[in-house]
Protein backbone atom coordinates (compact mmCIF):
# COMPACT_ATOMS: atom_id res chain seq x y z
CA MET A 1 -6.10 -145.88 -6.80
CA SER A 2 -7.85 -143.33 -4.53
CA THR A 3 -6.21 -140.15 -3.83
CA LEU A 4 -8.34 -139.97 -0.59
CA PRO A 5 -5.33 -141.23 1.91
CA ASN A 6 -2.82 -138.56 0.16
CA VAL A 7 -5.55 -135.59 0.56
CA VAL A 8 -6.22 -136.20 4.34
CA ARG A 9 -2.10 -136.36 4.79
CA ILE A 10 -1.45 -133.35 2.82
CA ARG A 11 -4.81 -131.73 4.75
CA GLU A 12 -3.16 -132.39 7.71
CA ALA A 13 0.26 -131.43 7.22
CA LEU A 14 -0.55 -128.14 5.84
CA GLU A 15 -2.81 -127.59 8.83
CA ASN A 16 -0.21 -128.06 11.07
CA ALA A 17 2.15 -126.23 9.04
CA ILE A 18 -0.32 -123.07 9.09
CA VAL A 19 -0.98 -123.63 12.56
CA ASP A 20 3.14 -124.15 14.09
CA GLY A 21 3.69 -120.70 11.94
CA ARG A 22 5.61 -122.18 8.88
CA PHE A 23 3.28 -120.48 6.63
CA ALA A 24 1.91 -117.23 8.35
CA PRO A 25 -1.04 -115.31 7.84
CA GLY A 26 -1.11 -113.91 4.42
CA ALA A 27 1.20 -116.35 3.09
CA LYS A 28 0.51 -117.81 -0.52
CA LEU A 29 0.81 -121.02 -1.18
CA ASP A 30 2.44 -122.46 -4.45
CA PRO A 31 0.46 -125.54 -5.55
CA GLU A 32 3.37 -126.85 -7.89
CA ALA A 33 5.93 -126.43 -4.95
CA LEU A 34 3.57 -128.21 -2.49
CA ALA A 35 3.05 -131.18 -5.40
CA ARG A 36 6.76 -131.53 -5.44
CA GLU A 37 7.06 -131.38 -1.41
CA PHE A 38 4.53 -134.23 -0.96
CA ASP A 39 5.49 -135.63 -4.20
CA VAL A 40 2.29 -136.36 -5.62
CA SER A 41 0.18 -134.74 -8.52
CA ARG A 42 -1.68 -131.35 -8.43
CA THR A 43 -5.07 -132.96 -7.92
CA PRO A 44 -4.83 -133.99 -4.08
CA ILE A 45 -2.83 -130.63 -3.40
CA ARG A 46 -6.01 -128.83 -4.79
CA GLU A 47 -8.38 -130.94 -2.87
CA ALA A 48 -6.50 -130.75 0.49
CA LEU A 49 -6.62 -126.66 -0.16
CA GLN A 50 -10.28 -126.75 -1.00
CA GLN A 51 -10.93 -128.41 2.32
CA LEU A 52 -8.64 -125.87 4.31
CA GLU A 53 -10.51 -123.15 2.39
CA ALA A 54 -13.77 -124.67 3.72
CA SER A 55 -12.58 -124.94 7.14
CA GLY A 56 -11.49 -121.25 6.94
CA LEU A 57 -7.69 -121.55 7.12
CA VAL A 58 -7.06 -120.86 3.68
CA ARG A 59 -8.72 -118.43 1.10
CA VAL A 60 -8.49 -118.66 -2.77
CA ALA A 61 -8.32 -115.30 -4.62
CA ALA A 62 -9.58 -115.31 -7.95
CA LYS A 63 -6.39 -115.16 -10.54
CA ARG A 64 -4.04 -114.39 -7.73
CA GLY A 65 -3.54 -117.95 -5.90
CA THR A 66 -4.51 -119.59 -2.51
CA PHE A 67 -3.57 -117.67 0.42
CA VAL A 68 -2.93 -118.80 4.25
CA SER A 69 -6.24 -116.67 5.59
CA GLU A 70 -5.53 -112.90 6.97
CA TRP A 71 -7.88 -110.68 8.15
CA SER A 72 -8.24 -106.97 8.70
CA PRO A 73 -8.24 -105.94 12.60
CA GLU A 74 -12.32 -105.72 12.53
CA GLU A 75 -12.55 -109.30 11.19
CA LEU A 76 -9.74 -110.19 13.70
CA ALA A 77 -11.62 -108.71 16.62
CA GLU A 78 -15.19 -110.26 15.89
CA ARG A 79 -13.62 -113.88 15.36
CA PHE A 80 -12.06 -113.58 18.92
CA GLU A 81 -15.02 -112.27 20.03
CA MET A 82 -16.82 -115.02 18.72
CA MET A 83 -13.88 -117.38 19.92
CA ALA A 84 -14.64 -115.96 23.35
CA GLU A 85 -18.06 -116.91 23.57
CA VAL A 86 -17.83 -120.37 22.02
CA GLU A 87 -15.03 -121.48 24.66
CA ALA A 88 -16.92 -119.86 27.84
CA SER A 89 -19.51 -122.15 26.74
CA CYS A 90 -17.42 -125.02 26.76
CA ALA A 91 -16.18 -124.03 29.98
CA ARG A 92 -19.80 -123.69 31.47
CA LEU A 93 -20.63 -127.02 30.44
CA ALA A 94 -17.35 -128.74 31.01
CA ALA A 95 -17.94 -127.45 34.75
CA ARG A 96 -20.88 -129.41 35.05
CA ARG A 97 -20.32 -132.58 33.02
CA ILE A 98 -16.29 -133.43 33.43
CA THR A 99 -15.37 -136.63 34.42
CA ASP A 100 -12.88 -137.53 36.98
CA THR A 101 -10.43 -139.00 34.22
CA GLU A 102 -11.16 -135.93 32.02
CA LEU A 103 -10.39 -133.87 34.85
CA ALA A 104 -7.53 -135.50 35.64
CA GLU A 105 -6.35 -135.20 32.36
CA LEU A 106 -6.56 -131.70 32.41
CA GLU A 107 -4.99 -130.96 35.70
CA ALA A 108 -1.80 -132.76 34.02
CA LEU A 109 -2.02 -130.76 30.93
CA HIS A 110 -2.23 -127.38 33.45
CA ALA A 111 0.62 -128.70 35.15
CA SER A 112 2.55 -129.21 32.37
CA CYS A 113 1.60 -125.57 31.03
CA HIS A 114 3.06 -124.45 34.34
CA ARG A 115 6.24 -126.21 33.93
CA LEU A 116 6.72 -124.69 30.44
CA ALA A 117 5.65 -121.30 31.34
CA GLU A 118 8.40 -121.21 34.11
CA ALA A 119 10.75 -122.17 31.46
CA GLY A 120 9.92 -119.71 29.07
CA ASP A 121 9.47 -122.20 26.47
CA ILE A 122 7.13 -120.62 23.88
CA ASP A 123 6.63 -123.58 21.64
CA ALA A 124 6.23 -126.38 24.02
CA TYR A 125 4.04 -124.28 25.93
CA TYR A 126 1.71 -123.26 22.54
CA ALA A 127 1.11 -127.39 21.95
CA GLU A 128 0.19 -127.83 25.57
CA ASN A 129 -2.03 -125.01 25.69
CA SER A 130 -3.84 -126.19 22.49
CA ALA A 131 -4.22 -129.85 24.15
CA PHE A 132 -5.76 -128.18 27.36
CA HIS A 133 -8.34 -126.26 25.07
CA HIS A 134 -9.06 -129.35 23.42
CA CYS A 135 -9.64 -131.40 26.52
CA LEU A 136 -12.16 -128.74 27.68
CA TYR A 137 -13.86 -129.22 24.13
CA ARG A 138 -13.99 -132.98 24.88
CA ALA A 139 -15.29 -132.25 28.61
CA THR A 140 -18.50 -130.59 27.08
CA HIS A 141 -19.84 -133.93 25.92
CA ASN A 142 -21.59 -132.27 23.44
CA ALA A 143 -19.90 -133.29 20.03
CA PHE A 144 -21.37 -130.75 17.94
CA LEU A 145 -20.02 -127.67 19.99
CA ALA A 146 -16.76 -129.51 20.47
CA ARG A 147 -16.15 -129.84 16.47
CA GLU A 148 -17.18 -125.94 16.12
CA ALA A 149 -14.69 -125.00 19.09
CA GLY A 150 -12.21 -127.08 17.26
CA ARG A 151 -12.80 -125.35 14.11
CA LEU A 152 -12.42 -121.92 15.39
CA HIS A 153 -9.58 -122.71 17.59
CA ALA A 154 -7.65 -123.88 14.32
CA MET A 155 -8.64 -120.95 12.48
CA LEU A 156 -7.39 -118.58 15.01
CA GLN A 157 -4.19 -120.64 15.80
CA PRO A 158 -1.90 -118.63 14.12
CA TYR A 159 -2.77 -115.45 15.86
CA ARG A 160 -3.08 -117.19 19.14
CA ARG A 161 0.76 -118.50 18.95
CA MET A 162 1.62 -114.65 18.30
CA GLN A 163 0.17 -113.35 21.40
CA LEU A 164 2.49 -115.86 23.19
CA GLN A 165 5.37 -113.94 21.54
CA VAL A 166 4.45 -110.65 24.03
CA ARG A 167 6.43 -110.04 26.81
CA ASN A 168 4.86 -111.88 30.03
CA ARG A 169 2.14 -113.14 28.20
CA LEU A 170 3.06 -116.86 28.93
CA GLY A 171 2.82 -116.21 32.81
CA ARG A 172 -0.48 -114.52 32.49
CA SER A 173 -1.99 -117.08 30.10
CA PHE A 174 -0.94 -119.99 32.63
CA ASP A 175 -2.73 -117.77 35.32
CA GLU A 176 -5.74 -117.70 33.55
CA HIS A 177 -5.74 -121.11 33.24
CA GLU A 178 -5.25 -121.43 36.84
CA ALA A 179 -8.78 -119.49 37.15
CA VAL A 180 -10.63 -121.75 34.52
CA VAL A 181 -9.45 -124.74 36.40
CA ARG A 182 -10.32 -123.75 39.62
CA ALA A 183 -14.02 -122.96 38.62
CA ILE A 184 -14.42 -126.21 37.13
CA ARG A 185 -13.12 -128.22 39.80
CA ALA A 186 -15.23 -126.74 41.79
CA GLY A 187 -18.16 -127.37 39.51
CA ASP A 188 -18.62 -123.61 39.25
CA ASP A 189 -20.19 -123.09 35.75
CA ALA A 190 -20.53 -119.42 35.84
CA ALA A 191 -17.24 -118.68 37.14
CA ALA A 192 -15.55 -121.37 34.89
CA GLY A 193 -17.34 -119.59 31.48
CA GLU A 194 -16.63 -115.87 32.43
CA ALA A 195 -12.47 -117.07 33.34
CA MET A 196 -12.38 -119.00 29.87
CA ARG A 197 -14.03 -115.67 28.13
CA ASP A 198 -11.71 -113.26 29.97
CA HIS A 199 -8.83 -115.45 29.01
CA VAL A 200 -10.00 -115.89 25.08
CA VAL A 201 -10.89 -112.36 24.57
CA VAL A 202 -8.70 -110.14 22.84
CA GLN A 203 -9.76 -106.60 23.20
CA GLY A 204 -8.07 -103.25 24.75
CA ASP A 205 -4.07 -103.67 25.11
CA ARG A 206 -3.95 -106.93 24.53
CA PHE A 207 -5.54 -106.49 20.79
CA HIS A 208 -2.89 -103.79 19.97
CA ASP A 209 -0.21 -106.19 21.43
CA LEU A 210 -1.52 -108.68 18.93
CA LEU A 211 -1.44 -106.56 16.08
CA ALA A 212 2.00 -105.02 17.24
CA ALA A 213 3.28 -109.01 17.32
CA LEU A 214 1.36 -109.40 13.71
CA ARG A 215 3.20 -106.37 12.31
CA GLN A 216 6.44 -107.84 13.73
CA ALA A 217 5.76 -111.18 11.80
CA ARG A 218 5.29 -109.63 8.69
CA ARG A 219 8.48 -107.55 8.55
CA ALA A 220 10.43 -110.62 9.55
CA GLY A 221 8.55 -112.68 6.93
């Protein structure tokens, strides 16, 4: 019997666990414990981890094991810089190509983010924020770009989640979304790209806030 269904199920479950913060950046993944948890042999676990390594979510260290990807401050800055440019491209294309149905979906997600930001519900906002970004990716009508944006989004999600822990970040994040939605609604591709880049890029005080949140998460772990 093929192990493929198990591999897909395990990979998706582990990806969600990493993105949701169950396994923090730098955490070691124990294949034997995972095999017991999923009630499978180590073969589908190994194959699922290989797929996660290919996506960038985990890394394999020779003779040490498999770990959730963790980067130096310089590497993290590079990845956020790249993500900002990719998402800016998505916003520009979405401003030109979004359909009425997609715009209605984006507006609904934006309204949901507003309610959650006002309630201070970080976990729920985080999920809706992710859905908001993926809605924009689809609205590019460029499948390759949407896939690459989704891959980078997943890779950086643990860190983007940490950003939301920073004081007042929920409100600022929503305000940045508002600028993106307003530009897309108006069909202003230049403004949409600039607003999205400003939303995603992490530099200056925001970068130091992220590093502080990361240090706090390590201490808590």
